C-alpha atoms as a PDB file:
ATOM      1  CA  MET A   1      53.748  11.188  70.662  1.00  0.00           C
ATOM      2  CA  ASP A   2      50.675  11.486  68.139  1.00  0.00           C
ATOM      3  CA  ALA A   3      48.073  12.583  71.085  1.00  0.00           C
ATOM      4  CA  LEU A   4      50.966  15.557  72.446  1.00  0.00           C
ATOM      5  CA  LYS A   5      51.139  16.402  68.597  1.00  0.00           C
ATOM      6  CA  LYS A   6      47.640  17.519  68.616  1.00  0.00           C
ATOM      7  CA  VAL A   7      48.163  19.944  71.786  1.00  0.00           C
ATOM      8  CA  GLY A   8      51.304  21.494  70.105  1.00  0.00           C
ATOM      9  CA  TRP A   9      54.376  19.168  70.510  1.00  0.00           C
ATOM     10  CA  ASP A  10      56.883  19.315  67.578  1.00  0.00           C
ATOM     11  CA  ASP A  11      60.491  18.627  67.344  1.00  0.00           C
ATOM     12  CA  ALA A  12      61.663  21.644  68.598  1.00  0.00           C
ATOM     13  CA  TRP A  13      59.988  20.714  72.018  1.00  0.00           C
ATOM     14  CA  ALA A  14      61.324  17.196  71.755  1.00  0.00           C
ATOM     15  CA  ASP A  15      64.865  18.664  71.456  1.00  0.00           C
ATOM     16  CA  SER A  16      64.537  20.829  74.491  1.00  0.00           C
ATOM     17  CA  PHE A  17      63.332  17.782  76.195  1.00  0.00           C
ATOM     18  CA  LYS A  18      66.276  15.399  75.454  1.00  0.00           C
ATOM     19  CA  VAL A  19      67.909  16.453  79.015  1.00  0.00           C
ATOM     20  CA  HIS A  20      64.796  15.394  80.814  1.00  0.00           C
ATOM     21  CA  ALA A  21      64.025  12.215  78.677  1.00  0.00           C
ATOM     22  CA  SER A  22      67.299  10.784  79.962  1.00  0.00           C
ATOM     23  CA  ALA A  23      66.442  10.940  83.314  1.00  0.00           C
ATOM     24  CA  GLY A  24      63.318   9.146  82.638  1.00  0.00           C
ATOM     25  CA  LEU A  25      60.721  11.781  82.805  1.00  0.00           C
ATOM     26  CA  SER A  26      57.991  12.155  80.283  1.00  0.00           C
ATOM     27  CA  PRO A  27      57.031  15.523  78.407  1.00  0.00           C
ATOM     28  CA  ALA A  28      53.081  16.755  79.558  1.00  0.00           C
ATOM     29  CA  ARG A  29      51.562  20.031  78.745  1.00  0.00           C
ATOM     30  CA  VAL A  30      49.810  22.194  81.690  1.00  0.00           C
ATOM     31  CA  ALA A  31      46.013  22.365  80.809  1.00  0.00           C
ATOM     32  CA  ALA A  32      44.759  23.741  84.152  1.00  0.00           C
ATOM     33  CA  ARG A  33      45.869  24.900  87.564  1.00  0.00           C
ATOM     34  CA  GLU A  34      44.024  24.402  90.897  1.00  0.00           C
ATOM     35  CA  GLY A  35      45.752  25.834  93.710  1.00  0.00           C
ATOM     36  CA  SER A  36      48.975  23.447  94.171  1.00  0.00           C
ATOM     37  CA  LEU A  37      47.396  20.969  91.792  1.00  0.00           C
ATOM     38  CA  TYR A  38      47.987  20.749  88.144  1.00  0.00           C
ATOM     39  CA  ARG A  39      45.943  19.390  85.388  1.00  0.00           C
ATOM     40  CA  LEU A  40      47.973  17.714  82.501  1.00  0.00           C
ATOM     41  CA  TRP A  41      47.765  16.600  78.973  1.00  0.00           C
ATOM     42  CA  THR A  42      50.273  13.610  78.633  1.00  0.00           C
ATOM     43  CA  GLU A  43      50.402  11.132  75.760  1.00  0.00           C
ATOM     44  CA  GLY A  44      48.422   8.628  77.650  1.00  0.00           C
ATOM     45  CA  GLY A  45      45.768  11.163  78.519  1.00  0.00           C
ATOM     46  CA  ASP A  46      44.881  13.663  81.390  1.00  0.00           C
ATOM     47  CA  ARG A  47      46.729  13.162  84.622  1.00  0.00           C
ATOM     48  CA  ASP A  48      46.808  15.373  87.836  1.00  0.00           C
ATOM     49  CA  ALA A  49      50.109  16.206  89.145  1.00  0.00           C
ATOM     50  CA  ALA A  50      51.848  18.694  91.909  1.00  0.00           C
ATOM     51  CA  ILE A  51      55.463  20.015  91.575  1.00  0.00           C
ATOM     52  CA  SER A  52      58.182  17.932  93.301  1.00  0.00           C
ATOM     53  CA  GLY A  53      59.645  19.063  96.702  1.00  0.00           C
ATOM     54  CA  LYS A  54      63.159  19.613  94.981  1.00  0.00           C
ATOM     55  CA  TYR A  55      61.562  21.761  92.435  1.00  0.00           C
ATOM     56  CA  LYS A  56      59.562  23.948  94.931  1.00  0.00           C
ATOM     57  CA  LEU A  57      63.012  24.566  96.325  1.00  0.00           C
ATOM     58  CA  SER A  58      64.319  26.222  92.938  1.00  0.00           C
ATOM     59  CA  LEU A  59      61.686  28.908  93.130  1.00  0.00           C
ATOM     60  CA  SER A  60      63.274  30.755  95.546  1.00  0.00           C
ATOM     61  CA  LYS A  61      66.485  30.649  93.209  1.00  0.00           C
ATOM     62  CA  GLY A  62      64.807  31.665  90.009  1.00  0.00           C
ATOM     63  CA  GLY A  63      63.014  28.806  89.265  1.00  0.00           C
ATOM     64  CA  LYS A  64      59.934  28.943  87.310  1.00  0.00           C
ATOM     65  CA  LEU A  65      56.344  27.980  88.625  1.00  0.00           C
ATOM     66  CA  PRO A  66      54.528  26.343  86.023  1.00  0.00           C
ATOM     67  CA  ALA A  67      51.682  28.350  84.193  1.00  0.00           C
ATOM     68  CA  VAL A  68      48.786  27.381  81.930  1.00  0.00           C
ATOM     69  CA  GLY A  69      50.462  26.454  78.629  1.00  0.00           C
ATOM     70  CA  ASP A  70      53.920  25.351  79.910  1.00  0.00           C
ATOM     71  CA  TRP A  71      55.300  22.125  78.646  1.00  0.00           C
ATOM     72  CA  VAL A  72      56.724  20.418  81.550  1.00  0.00           C
ATOM     73  CA  ALA A  73      58.852  17.378  82.505  1.00  0.00           C
ATOM     74  CA  VAL A  74      57.136  15.043  84.962  1.00  0.00           C
ATOM     75  CA  ASP A  75      57.467  11.414  86.431  1.00  0.00           C
ATOM     76  CA  LEU A  76      54.099   9.762  85.663  1.00  0.00           C
ATOM     77  CA  LYS A  77      55.103   6.610  87.814  1.00  0.00           C
ATOM     78  CA  PRO A  78      53.163   7.818  91.142  1.00  0.00           C
ATOM     79  CA  THR A  79      49.649   7.915  91.074  1.00  0.00           C
ATOM     80  CA  GLN A  80      49.607  11.479  91.439  1.00  0.00           C
ATOM     81  CA  GLY A  81      52.436  12.734  88.877  1.00  0.00           C
ATOM     82  CA  VAL A  82      55.225  14.800  89.957  1.00  0.00           C
ATOM     83  CA  ILE A  83      56.612  17.568  87.777  1.00  0.00           C
ATOM     84  CA  GLN A  84      60.301  17.836  88.088  1.00  0.00           C
ATOM     85  CA  GLY A  85      61.114  20.899  85.529  1.00  0.00           C
ATOM     86  CA  VAL A  86      59.648  23.363  82.751  1.00  0.00           C
ATOM     87  CA  LEU A  87      60.955  23.758  79.304  1.00  0.00           C
ATOM     88  CA  PRO A  88      61.844  27.295  78.162  1.00  0.00           C
ATOM     89  CA  ARG A  89      58.917  29.417  77.176  1.00  0.00           C
ATOM     90  CA  ARG A  90      58.516  30.621  73.629  1.00  0.00           C
ATOM     91  CA  THR A  91      55.858  33.395  74.605  1.00  0.00           C
ATOM     92  CA  MET A  92      54.276  34.372  77.633  1.00  0.00           C
ATOM     93  CA  VAL A  93      52.001  36.940  79.360  1.00  0.00           C
ATOM     94  CA  SER A  94      52.623  38.679  82.383  1.00  0.00           C
ATOM     95  CA  ARG A  95      52.104  41.122  84.905  1.00  0.00           C
ATOM     96  CA  LYS A  96      53.379  42.335  87.879  1.00  0.00           C
ATOM     97  CA  GLU A  97      51.663  40.929  90.939  1.00  0.00           C
ATOM     98  CA  ALA A  98      49.029  42.803  92.852  1.00  0.00           C
ATOM     99  CA  GLY A  99      50.857  44.911  95.757  1.00  0.00           C
ATOM    100  CA  GLU A 100      53.988  46.397  96.780  1.00  0.00           C
ATOM    101  CA  ARG A 101      56.209  43.410  95.645  1.00  0.00           C
ATOM    102  CA  ASP A 102      57.986  43.793  92.101  1.00  0.00           C
ATOM    103  CA  ARG A 103      57.448  40.160  91.146  1.00  0.00           C
ATOM    104  CA  MET A 104      55.968  38.707  87.836  1.00  0.00           C
ATOM    105  CA  GLN A 105      53.040  36.591  87.441  1.00  0.00           C
ATOM    106  CA  VAL A 106      53.007  34.532  84.156  1.00  0.00           C
ATOM    107  CA  LEU A 107      49.374  34.230  82.909  1.00  0.00           C
ATOM    108  CA  VAL A 108      49.669  31.850  80.066  1.00  0.00           C
ATOM    109  CA  ALA A 109      52.835  30.686  78.609  1.00  0.00           C
ATOM    110  CA  ASN A 110      53.465  29.506  74.847  1.00  0.00           C
ATOM    111  CA  VAL A 111      50.671  30.868  73.045  1.00  0.00           C
ATOM    112  CA  ASP A 112      50.449  31.353  69.677  1.00  0.00           C
ATOM    113  CA  VAL A 113      47.834  33.786  69.371  1.00  0.00           C
ATOM    114  CA  ILE A 114      46.069  35.974  71.821  1.00  0.00           C
ATOM    115  CA  PHE A 115      42.687  37.393  71.290  1.00  0.00           C
ATOM    116  CA  VAL A 116      42.520  40.651  73.312  1.00  0.00           C
ATOM    117  CA  VAL A 117      38.593  41.057  73.941  1.00  0.00           C
ATOM    118  CA  SER A 118      36.886  44.510  74.515  1.00  0.00           C
ATOM    119  CA  GLY A 119      33.229  44.815  74.843  1.00  0.00           C
ATOM    120  CA  LEU A 120      31.435  47.546  72.666  1.00  0.00           C
ATOM    121  CA  ASP A 121      29.396  48.535  75.550  1.00  0.00           C
ATOM    122  CA  GLY A 122      30.667  50.123  79.036  1.00  0.00           C
ATOM    123  CA  ASP A 123      33.793  48.076  78.573  1.00  0.00           C
ATOM    124  CA  PHE A 124      35.132  49.974  75.792  1.00  0.00           C
ATOM    125  CA  ASN A 125      38.307  51.682  77.319  1.00  0.00           C
ATOM    126  CA  LEU A 126      41.292  52.519  74.463  1.00  0.00           C
ATOM    127  CA  ARG A 127      43.711  53.407  77.262  1.00  0.00           C
ATOM    128  CA  ARG A 128      43.068  49.985  78.678  1.00  0.00           C
ATOM    129  CA  LEU A 129      43.674  48.541  75.183  1.00  0.00           C
ATOM    130  CA  GLU A 130      46.772  50.013  74.715  1.00  0.00           C
ATOM    131  CA  ARG A 131      47.904  48.317  78.082  1.00  0.00           C
ATOM    132  CA  TYR A 132      46.874  45.042  77.180  1.00  0.00           C
ATOM    133  CA  LEU A 133      48.420  45.333  73.582  1.00  0.00           C
ATOM    134  CA  ALA A 134      51.809  46.374  75.283  1.00  0.00           C
ATOM    135  CA  VAL A 135      51.602  43.343  77.454  1.00  0.00           C
ATOM    136  CA  VAL A 136      50.979  40.987  74.591  1.00  0.00           C
ATOM    137  CA  ARG A 137      53.638  42.621  72.261  1.00  0.00           C
ATOM    138  CA  GLU A 138      56.230  41.874  74.872  1.00  0.00           C
ATOM    139  CA  GLY A 139      55.232  38.258  75.513  1.00  0.00           C
ATOM    140  CA  GLY A 140      55.908  37.722  71.494  1.00  0.00           C
ATOM    141  CA  SER A 141      52.710  36.345  70.684  1.00  0.00           C
ATOM    142  CA  LYS A 142      50.587  37.420  67.639  1.00  0.00           C
ATOM    143  CA  GLY A 143      47.860  39.989  68.896  1.00  0.00           C
ATOM    144  CA  VAL A 144      44.583  40.092  67.558  1.00  0.00           C
ATOM    145  CA  VAL A 145      41.597  42.601  68.987  1.00  0.00           C
ATOM    146  CA  LEU A 146      38.310  41.882  69.207  1.00  0.00           C
ATOM    147  CA  LEU A 147      35.135  44.176  69.751  1.00  0.00           C
ATOM    148  CA  ASN A 148      32.582  42.194  71.180  1.00  0.00           C
ATOM    149  CA  LYS A 149      28.760  42.894  71.488  1.00  0.00           C
ATOM    150  CA  ALA A 150      28.396  44.644  68.568  1.00  0.00           C
ATOM    151  CA  ASP A 151      24.590  43.925  68.772  1.00  0.00           C
ATOM    152  CA  LEU A 152      24.816  46.446  71.668  1.00  0.00           C
ATOM    153  CA  CYS A 153      26.775  49.392  70.261  1.00  0.00           C
ATOM    154  CA  PRO A 154      25.139  51.574  67.197  1.00  0.00           C
ATOM    155  CA  GLU A 155      28.729  53.472  67.336  1.00  0.00           C
ATOM    156  CA  ALA A 156      30.544  50.224  66.570  1.00  0.00           C
ATOM    157  CA  PRO A 157      31.883  51.680  62.954  1.00  0.00           C
ATOM    158  CA  GLN A 158      33.238  54.609  64.858  1.00  0.00           C
ATOM    159  CA  ARG A 159      34.797  52.432  67.738  1.00  0.00           C
ATOM    160  CA  LEU A 160      36.316  50.297  65.001  1.00  0.00           C
ATOM    161  CA  ALA A 161      38.189  53.316  63.531  1.00  0.00           C
ATOM    162  CA  GLU A 162      39.529  54.355  66.866  1.00  0.00           C
ATOM    163  CA  THR A 163      40.741  51.049  67.700  1.00  0.00           C
ATOM    164  CA  ILE A 164      42.611  50.698  64.367  1.00  0.00           C
ATOM    165  CA  LEU A 165      44.626  53.876  65.170  1.00  0.00           C
ATOM    166  CA  ILE A 166      45.799  52.120  68.440  1.00  0.00           C
ATOM    167  CA  ALA A 167      46.200  48.897  67.097  1.00  0.00           C
ATOM    168  CA  ARG A 168      48.342  50.062  64.162  1.00  0.00           C
ATOM    169  CA  ASP A 169      50.003  46.488  62.656  1.00  0.00           C
ATOM    170  CA  LEU A 170      47.553  44.148  64.627  1.00  0.00           C
ATOM    171  CA  PRO A 171      44.149  42.916  62.991  1.00  0.00           C
ATOM    172  CA  VAL A 172      40.916  44.403  64.477  1.00  0.00           C
ATOM    173  CA  HIS A 173      37.930  42.495  64.072  1.00  0.00           C
ATOM    174  CA  VAL A 174      34.008  43.629  65.425  1.00  0.00           C
ATOM    175  CA  ILE A 175      32.098  41.040  66.544  1.00  0.00           C
ATOM    176  CA  SER A 176      28.840  39.537  68.427  1.00  0.00           C
ATOM    177  CA  ALA A 177      29.630  36.033  70.625  1.00  0.00           C
ATOM    178  CA  LYS A 178      26.344  36.176  71.768  1.00  0.00           C
ATOM    179  CA  LYS A 179      24.493  36.640  68.143  1.00  0.00           C
ATOM    180  CA  GLY A 180      27.258  34.715  66.183  1.00  0.00           C
ATOM    181  CA  GLU A 181      28.029  37.947  63.963  1.00  0.00           C
ATOM    182  CA  GLY A 182      31.326  38.027  62.599  1.00  0.00           C
ATOM    183  CA  VAL A 183      32.662  35.165  64.591  1.00  0.00           C
ATOM    184  CA  ASP A 184      33.671  33.145  61.316  1.00  0.00           C
ATOM    185  CA  VAL A 185      36.532  35.184  60.871  1.00  0.00           C
ATOM    186  CA  LEU A 186      38.178  33.882  63.695  1.00  0.00           C
ATOM    187  CA  GLU A 187      38.752  30.581  61.922  1.00  0.00           C
ATOM    188  CA  GLN A 188      41.785  31.860  59.934  1.00  0.00           C
ATOM    189  CA  TYR A 189      43.423  31.761  63.619  1.00  0.00           C
ATOM    190  CA  LEU A 190      42.326  28.973  64.990  1.00  0.00           C
ATOM    191  CA  LYS A 191      44.498  26.135  63.146  1.00  0.00           C
ATOM    192  CA  PRO A 192      45.107  22.759  64.374  1.00  0.00           C
ATOM    193  CA  ALA A 193      47.388  22.427  67.131  1.00  0.00           C
ATOM    194  CA  THR A 194      47.644  26.244  67.065  1.00  0.00           C
ATOM    195  CA  THR A 195      47.122  27.692  71.041  1.00  0.00           C
ATOM    196  CA  VAL A 196      44.842  30.522  71.020  1.00  0.00           C
ATOM    197  CA  ALA A 197      44.444  32.336  74.345  1.00  0.00           C
ATOM    198  CA  LEU A 198      41.936  35.007  75.294  1.00  0.00           C
ATOM    199  CA  LEU A 199      42.827  37.942  77.662  1.00  0.00           C
ATOM    200  CA  GLY A 200      40.153  40.986  78.278  1.00  0.00           C
ATOM    201  CA  SER A 201      38.355  42.367  81.620  1.00  0.00           C
ATOM    202  CA  SER A 202      35.386  41.033  83.241  1.00  0.00           C
ATOM    203  CA  GLY A 203      32.033  41.136  81.335  1.00  0.00           C
ATOM    204  CA  ALA A 204      33.960  41.392  78.074  1.00  0.00           C
ATOM    205  CA  GLY A 205      32.215  38.358  76.882  1.00  0.00           C
ATOM    206  CA  LYS A 206      35.382  35.676  76.610  1.00  0.00           C
ATOM    207  CA  SER A 207      32.974  33.085  78.154  1.00  0.00           C
ATOM    208  CA  THR A 208      30.527  33.606  75.582  1.00  0.00           C
ATOM    209  CA  LEU A 209      32.954  33.402  72.721  1.00  0.00           C
ATOM    210  CA  VAL A 210      34.774  30.304  74.335  1.00  0.00           C
ATOM    211  CA  ASN A 211      31.208  28.261  74.224  1.00  0.00           C
ATOM    212  CA  ARG A 212      30.660  29.889  70.491  1.00  0.00           C
ATOM    213  CA  ILE A 213      33.985  28.587  69.244  1.00  0.00           C
ATOM    214  CA  LEU A 214      33.782  25.365  71.193  1.00  0.00           C
ATOM    215  CA  GLY A 215      30.084  24.728  70.118  1.00  0.00           C
ATOM    216  CA  ARG A 216      28.873  24.202  73.223  1.00  0.00           C
ATOM    217  CA  GLU A 217      28.087  25.419  76.807  1.00  0.00           C
ATOM    218  CA  LYS A 218      31.653  24.781  78.602  1.00  0.00           C
ATOM    219  CA  GLN A 219      32.022  28.004  80.365  1.00  0.00           C
ATOM    220  CA  ALA A 220      29.354  29.433  82.624  1.00  0.00           C
ATOM    221  CA  THR A 221      28.191  32.881  81.520  1.00  0.00           C
ATOM    222  CA  LYS A 222      26.212  35.740  83.333  1.00  0.00           C
ATOM    223  CA  GLU A 223      24.953  38.941  82.189  1.00  0.00           C
ATOM    224  CA  THR A 224      26.763  42.032  82.574  1.00  0.00           C
ATOM    225  CA  ARG A 225      25.799  44.240  85.450  1.00  0.00           C
ATOM    226  CA  GLU A 226      23.603  47.513  84.914  1.00  0.00           C
ATOM    227  CA  ASP A 227      26.635  49.570  85.388  1.00  0.00           C
ATOM    228  CA  SER A 228      28.498  47.804  82.684  1.00  0.00           C
ATOM    229  CA  ARG A 229      31.012  46.338  85.006  1.00  0.00           C
ATOM    230  CA  GLY A 230      31.984  42.719  84.375  1.00  0.00           C
ATOM    231  CA  ARG A 231      31.058  40.066  86.450  1.00  0.00           C
ATOM    232  CA  HIS A 232      33.545  37.194  86.671  1.00  0.00           C
ATOM    233  CA  THR A 233      32.493  34.093  85.471  1.00  0.00           C
ATOM    234  CA  THR A 234      35.969  32.124  84.608  1.00  0.00           C
ATOM    235  CA  THR A 235      37.720  31.902  87.740  1.00  0.00           C
ATOM    236  CA  SER A 236      40.889  29.886  86.749  1.00  0.00           C
ATOM    237  CA  ARG A 237      42.990  29.362  83.472  1.00  0.00           C
ATOM    238  CA  GLU A 238      42.157  26.444  81.417  1.00  0.00           C
ATOM    239  CA  MET A 239      42.734  24.959  77.808  1.00  0.00           C
ATOM    240  CA  PHE A 240      40.051  23.458  75.486  1.00  0.00           C
ATOM    241  CA  LEU A 241      40.474  21.362  72.286  1.00  0.00           C
ATOM    242  CA  THR A 242      37.987  22.803  69.715  1.00  0.00           C
ATOM    243  CA  PRO A 243      36.342  20.774  67.071  1.00  0.00           C
ATOM    244  CA  GLY A 244      38.694  22.081  64.607  1.00  0.00           C
ATOM    245  CA  GLY A 245      41.856  21.064  66.250  1.00  0.00           C
ATOM    246  CA  ALA A 246      42.871  24.329  67.936  1.00  0.00           C
ATOM    247  CA  ILE A 247      43.890  24.651  71.417  1.00  0.00           C
ATOM    248  CA  LEU A 248      41.688  27.344  73.121  1.00  0.00           C
ATOM    249  CA  LEU A 249      42.707  28.898  76.348  1.00  0.00           C
ATOM    250  CA  ASP A 250      40.342  30.809  78.497  1.00  0.00           C
ATOM    251  CA  THR A 251      41.525  33.200  81.587  1.00  0.00           C
ATOM    252  CA  PRO A 252      39.540  35.069  84.238  1.00  0.00           C
ATOM    253  CA  GLY A 253      38.438  38.731  83.520  1.00  0.00           C
ATOM    254  CA  LEU A 254      41.160  41.190  84.777  1.00  0.00           C
ATOM    255  CA  ARG A 255      40.358  44.172  86.906  1.00  0.00           C
ATOM    256  CA  GLU A 256      43.598  45.700  86.213  1.00  0.00           C
ATOM    257  CA  ILE A 257      47.095  44.571  84.422  1.00  0.00           C
ATOM    258  CA  GLN A 258      49.893  46.194  86.505  1.00  0.00           C
ATOM    259  CA  LEU A 259      53.074  46.107  84.032  1.00  0.00           C
ATOM    260  CA  ALA A 260      56.022  43.840  84.679  1.00  0.00           C
ATOM    261  CA  ASP A 261      58.797  44.454  82.283  1.00  0.00           C
ATOM    262  CA  VAL A 262      57.454  45.700  78.848  1.00  0.00           C
ATOM    263  CA  ALA A 263      59.575  48.269  77.642  1.00  0.00           C
ATOM    264  CA  GLU A 264      59.727  46.503  74.288  1.00  0.00           C
ATOM    265  CA  GLY A 265      56.171  46.323  74.247  1.00  0.00           C
ATOM    266  CA  ILE A 266      55.647  49.994  75.032  1.00  0.00           C
ATOM    267  CA  ARG A 267      57.904  50.883  72.298  1.00  0.00           C
ATOM    268  CA  GLN A 268      56.003  48.836  69.502  1.00  0.00           C
ATOM    269  CA  THR A 269      52.377  49.897  70.675  1.00  0.00           C
ATOM    270  CA  PHE A 270      53.621  53.803  70.818  1.00  0.00           C
ATOM    271  CA  SER A 271      56.061  53.436  67.689  1.00  0.00           C
ATOM    272  CA  ASP A 272      54.386  56.770  66.185  1.00  0.00           C
ATOM    273  CA  ILE A 273      54.742  58.776  69.297  1.00  0.00           C
ATOM    274  CA  GLU A 274      58.388  57.418  69.541  1.00  0.00           C
ATOM    275  CA  ALA A 275      58.738  58.274  65.697  1.00  0.00           C
ATOM    276  CA  LEU A 276      58.255  61.809  66.702  1.00  0.00           C
ATOM    277  CA  PHE A 277      61.422  62.116  68.984  1.00  0.00           C
ATOM    278  CA  GLY A 278      63.880  61.835  66.237  1.00  0.00           C
ATOM    279  CA  ALA A 279      62.134  65.121  64.450  1.00  0.00           C
ATOM    280  CA  CYS A 280      62.755  67.218  67.500  1.00  0.00           C
ATOM    281  CA  LYS A 281      65.323  70.046  67.473  1.00  0.00           C
ATOM    282  CA  PHE A 282      67.625  69.049  70.515  1.00  0.00           C
ATOM    283  CA  ASP A 283      68.324  65.155  71.129  1.00  0.00           C
ATOM    284  CA  ASN A 284      67.929  65.658  74.969  1.00  0.00           C
ATOM    285  CA  CYS A 285      64.267  67.211  74.333  1.00  0.00           C
ATOM    286  CA  ARG A 286      61.998  66.396  76.864  1.00  0.00           C
ATOM    287  CA  HIS A 287      58.942  67.046  75.139  1.00  0.00           C
ATOM    288  CA  HIS A 288      57.950  69.584  78.031  1.00  0.00           C
ATOM    289  CA  LYS A 289      58.553  73.044  77.238  1.00  0.00           C
ATOM    290  CA  GLU A 290      61.469  72.960  75.037  1.00  0.00           C
ATOM    291  CA  PRO A 291      61.505  74.619  71.542  1.00  0.00           C
ATOM    292  CA  GLY A 292      61.266  72.718  68.446  1.00  0.00           C
ATOM    293  CA  CYS A 293      59.980  69.566  70.121  1.00  0.00           C
ATOM    294  CA  ALA A 294      58.073  67.649  67.682  1.00  0.00           C
ATOM    295  CA  VAL A 295      55.680  65.978  69.926  1.00  0.00           C
ATOM    296  CA  LEU A 296      54.600  69.337  71.572  1.00  0.00           C
ATOM    297  CA  ALA A 297      53.893  70.452  67.616  1.00  0.00           C
ATOM    298  CA  ALA A 298      52.058  67.336  67.010  1.00  0.00           C
ATOM    299  CA  LEU A 299      49.720  68.075  70.127  1.00  0.00           C
ATOM    300  CA  ASP A 300      49.246  71.570  69.188  1.00  0.00           C
ATOM    301  CA  SER A 301      47.851  70.315  65.466  1.00  0.00           C
ATOM    302  CA  GLY A 302      45.930  67.728  66.488  1.00  0.00           C
ATOM    303  CA  ALA A 303      48.035  65.198  64.684  1.00  0.00           C
ATOM    304  CA  LEU A 304      48.680  63.321  68.234  1.00  0.00           C
ATOM    305  CA  ASP A 305      46.020  62.580  70.659  1.00  0.00           C
ATOM    306  CA  PRO A 306      46.653  64.132  74.082  1.00  0.00           C
ATOM    307  CA  ASN A 307      44.909  61.346  75.621  1.00  0.00           C
ATOM    308  CA  ARG A 308      47.320  58.884  73.702  1.00  0.00           C
ATOM    309  CA  TRP A 309      50.424  60.960  74.748  1.00  0.00           C
ATOM    310  CA  ASP A 310      49.242  60.936  78.703  1.00  0.00           C
ATOM    311  CA  SER A 311      48.618  57.040  77.967  1.00  0.00           C
ATOM    312  CA  TYR A 312      52.127  57.032  76.790  1.00  0.00           C
ATOM    313  CA  LEU A 313      53.600  58.636  79.584  1.00  0.00           C
ATOM    314  CA  LYS A 314      51.658  56.901  82.123  1.00  0.00           C
ATOM    315  CA  LEU A 315      52.980  53.467  80.950  1.00  0.00           C
ATOM    316  CA  LYS A 316      56.745  54.459  80.541  1.00  0.00           C
ATOM    317  CA  ALA A 317      56.287  55.993  84.334  1.00  0.00           C
ATOM    318  CA  GLU A 318      55.026  52.665  85.215  1.00  0.00           C
ATOM    319  CA  GLN A 319      57.649  50.886  83.643  1.00  0.00           C
ATOM    320  CA  ALA A 320      60.563  53.344  84.759  1.00  0.00           C
ATOM    321  CA  VAL A 321      59.711  52.675  88.711  1.00  0.00           C
ATOM    322  CA  ARG A 322      60.183  48.939  88.629  1.00  0.00           C
ATOM    323  CA  GLY A 323      63.136  48.019  90.604  1.00  0.00           C
ATOM    324  CA  MET A 324      63.497  51.710  91.768  1.00  0.00           C
ATOM    325  CA  LYS A 325      64.270  52.456  95.515  1.00  0.00           C
ATOM    326  CA  ASP A 326      61.698  54.424  97.327  1.00  0.00           C
ATOM    327  CA  TRP A 327      63.867  57.622  97.292  1.00  0.00           C
ATOM    328  CA  GLU A 328      63.980  57.254  93.449  1.00  0.00           C
ATOM    329  CA  LYS A 329      60.389  56.325  93.112  1.00  0.00           C
ATOM    330  CA  ARG A 330      59.459  59.632  95.045  1.00  0.00           C
ATOM    331  CA  ARG A 331      61.907  61.722  92.765  1.00  0.00           C
ATOM    332  CA  HIS A 332      60.602  60.411  89.621  1.00  0.00           C
ATOM    333  CA  ASP A 333      57.227  60.568  90.869  1.00  0.00           C
ATOM    334  CA  ARG A 334      57.870  64.323  91.011  1.00  0.00           C
ATOM    335  CA  LYS A 335      59.607  64.910  87.712  1.00  0.00           C
ATOM    336  CA  PHE A 336      56.407  62.781  86.224  1.00  0.00           C
ATOM    337  CA  GLY A 337      53.972  64.796  87.930  1.00  0.00           C
ATOM    338  CA  ARG A 338      55.195  67.882  86.460  1.00  0.00           C
ATOM    339  CA  MET A 339      55.060  66.100  82.809  1.00  0.00           C
ATOM    340  CA  VAL A 340      51.429  65.212  83.310  1.00  0.00           C
ATOM    341  CA  HIS A 341      50.222  68.449  84.854  1.00  0.00           C
ATOM    342  CA  GLU A 342      51.765  70.266  81.812  1.00  0.00           C
ATOM    343  CA  ALA A 343      50.177  67.901  79.512  1.00  0.00           C
ATOM    344  CA  LEU A 344      46.704  68.655  81.313  1.00  0.00           C
ATOM    345  CA  LYS A 345      47.065  71.938  80.818  1.00  0.00           C
ATOM    346  CA  ARG A 346      47.793  71.886  77.270  1.00  0.00           C
ATOM    347  CA  LYS A 347      44.793  69.622  76.951  1.00  0.00           C
ATOM    348  CA  GLY A 348      42.569  72.060  78.578  1.00  0.00           C
ATOM    349  CA  ARG A 349      43.646  74.776  76.653  1.00  0.00           C
ATOM    350  CA  LYS A 350      43.169  72.976  73.273  1.00  0.00           C
ATOM    351  CA  ASP A 351      39.608  71.970  74.505  1.00  0.00           C
ATOM    352  CA  SER A 352      38.731  75.546  75.284  1.00  0.00           C
ATOM    353  CA  LYS A 353      39.450  76.647  71.851  1.00  0.00           C
END
């Protein structure tokens, strides 16, 4: 299993695989996916595979569709491998599928470190970063924030300070992937057999960073549009081996990332806000107009950024409506609307002073 160890295989994975080994199946890792076809890393090299008909039937009963980064049990005897199962995931990044359906889409699986990449040009958005960090924290991977395109931003030190405040316990680094500035600091995360994924919006510079880390032009890049909105260059999720032995997983740029079940991720991302709740005068404080509310006091004093409070409310509201019936969503939306209206009024009064 020497070849598989280089791409993350260990004794714990081997133990999880025993039931599949007894059925004559082989372990492999999903390196890429194109439609219904998967490219696998196996002990004998790269192989193409598709999921079996039996496994397709299991998907309607709660089975897991393989994602890039997954370890799978595969029958390698046919010319095209047949995936028969997916091992339990250690970590994952997921989001709600676009549209009305309340279904989860796993973006990547079994990732040790996630580089959340934000451009320091028009891409920079603290509220979007908070959303990404909640998703990363929920999935169990170690998050690292990369503020890219430092060469284009004279205000980089200020934006670094702002990002550190919301990232809290997570490391934040300022880099320029295009110029190579600050990229050496990433070596501490790119250890052999460690899986590192890049996550961020279109135009943040992920493909340029992938090429910089790999030391070759593996991913196509395009210039950012004049309005600072990104252009999609990476169109699928794919893993690469770095010269130092790490596994690098690139993902397409995301226009939006709708929340799946990230209650714990929100709690960790906004732990400073939730710490205030215990200081409110009333245990059932709604943080709306109640006397002795620690949140309102923090907003009035400037200790709590109104934009951060508004971001917290929006993410909590989005999380709360998951699984609700239509009439419950309408009732929740009215209640949330009143809270946002009050928050905006308070912000307006503060800005006018």
